[in-house]
């Protein structure tokens, strides 16, 4: 029995620790890539960031709203939106966490900034499209860099290689907005 069998009940946002990929900080010096762990401190940080993002004080950031895939209740998380090649993109730096699963299930999300909400349909993109978006994301979202193997100066191909760990969604306006 391997660690996957023992931990098959693990949530997607709580990967098995011994499966953490190794990144190179300096050539020849491996380091562990940080893993996302939900907890009390993270919930507090999200609550504070959500208030700041809703008010529009944090650059590139929005309050993402999804509907719970099981409960149907609205869920909100602060996120960073990337503008690249004339389009808008949503990146999941922590992997397939609950908001990603909810967004995939419904195919639509809401983004709020400065108390105005806009609704979008989403399309998850393959690694080839995700690579340049992830590269730009790491350049602007410094707080999440430790969750990536590729550093901000890495090639697009290095970001494509880890696209399976960081889902990327293209945003298309759905026409409805509030505010």
Foldseek 3Di string as FASTA:
>chain_A
DDPCVVVVVDDPQDDDVVPFDWADPDVPDIDTQDAGDDDDVVVVVFVVVQVCFLQANDPQKWWKWFQQPPPRHIDTGIFGWDQDPNFIKTKALNFCPRVNVRCVNVQKMWTHGNNKIFIWGKDWDALVVVLVRVLVCQVVPVVSQSNANDHNPDDSVSSSVCCNRMIMITTDTPPDMDD
